[in-house]
């Protein structure tokens, strides 16, 4: 496992995407990848970015 992997909290993802915590939870329900560590939820930064890019609206490659 690479040491440059960064795991983010719900708050970190919200700050990164400039959205609320509720929006992060909604994105998680829609399939944004996450990791459950005990009672905590963490997101792999690279996976979040890839998922957002793959699921953006108006993407010419998805039409």
Protein backbone atom coordinates (compact mmCIF):
# COMPACT_ATOMS: atom_id res chain seq x y z
CA UNK A 1 0.00 0.00 0.00
CA UNK A 2 1.31 3.39 -0.96
CA UNK A 3 2.09 5.87 1.79
CA UNK A 4 0.70 8.79 -0.26
CA UNK A 5 -2.92 7.63 0.11
CA UNK A 6 -4.97 10.29 1.86
CA UNK A 7 -8.15 9.38 3.72
CA UNK A 8 -10.66 12.16 4.26
CA UNK A 9 -13.44 12.71 6.78
CA UNK A 10 -16.95 13.79 5.80
CA UNK A 11 -15.95 17.34 6.70
CA UNK A 12 -12.80 17.13 4.55
CA UNK A 13 -14.80 15.97 1.54
CA UNK A 14 -17.36 18.70 2.11
CA UNK A 15 -14.62 21.32 2.22
CA UNK A 16 -12.91 19.88 -0.84
CA UNK A 17 -16.13 19.89 -2.89
CA UNK A 18 -17.51 23.06 -1.24
CA UNK A 19 -20.73 21.33 -0.19
CA UNK A 20 -22.51 20.58 3.10
CA UNK A 21 -22.17 17.42 5.19
CA UNK A 22 -25.69 16.43 4.09
CA UNK A 23 -24.61 16.61 0.44
CA UNK A 24 -21.60 14.39 1.17
CA UNK A 25 -23.91 11.80 2.74
CA UNK A 26 -26.24 12.02 -0.27
CA UNK A 27 -23.31 11.50 -2.64
CA UNK A 28 -22.28 8.48 -0.55
CA UNK A 29 -25.79 7.05 -0.97
CA UNK A 30 -25.49 7.63 -4.74
CA UNK A 31 -22.35 5.50 -4.86
CA UNK A 32 -19.38 7.66 -3.95
CA UNK A 33 -16.82 5.15 -2.62
CA UNK A 34 -16.08 5.17 1.08
CA UNK A 35 -14.42 3.06 3.76
CA UNK A 36 -15.98 2.19 7.10
CA UNK A 37 -13.43 2.13 9.94
CA UNK A 38 -15.32 1.09 13.04
CA UNK A 39 -18.05 3.70 13.38
CA UNK A 40 -16.17 6.20 11.23
CA UNK A 41 -16.50 6.87 7.53
CA UNK A 42 -13.43 7.76 5.49
CA UNK A 43 -12.98 8.56 1.82
CA UNK A 44 -9.93 7.90 -0.34
CA UNK A 45 -9.16 11.29 -1.89
CA UNK A 46 -8.19 9.86 -5.29
CA UNK A 47 -11.32 7.68 -5.45
CA UNK A 48 -13.54 10.66 -4.61
CA UNK A 49 -11.97 12.77 -7.36
CA UNK A 50 -12.27 9.91 -9.88
CA UNK A 51 -15.90 9.26 -8.89
CA UNK A 52 -16.83 12.95 -9.19
CA UNK A 53 -15.22 13.17 -12.64
CA UNK A 54 -16.95 9.98 -13.81
CA UNK A 55 -20.37 11.16 -12.57
CA UNK A 56 -20.38 14.81 -13.57
CA UNK A 57 -23.25 16.21 -15.61
CA UNK A 58 -22.61 17.45 -19.11
CA UNK A 59 -19.62 15.18 -19.64
CA UNK A 60 -19.33 14.72 -23.43
CA UNK A 61 -17.81 11.25 -22.95
CA UNK A 62 -20.92 10.03 -21.08
CA UNK A 63 -23.36 11.02 -23.84
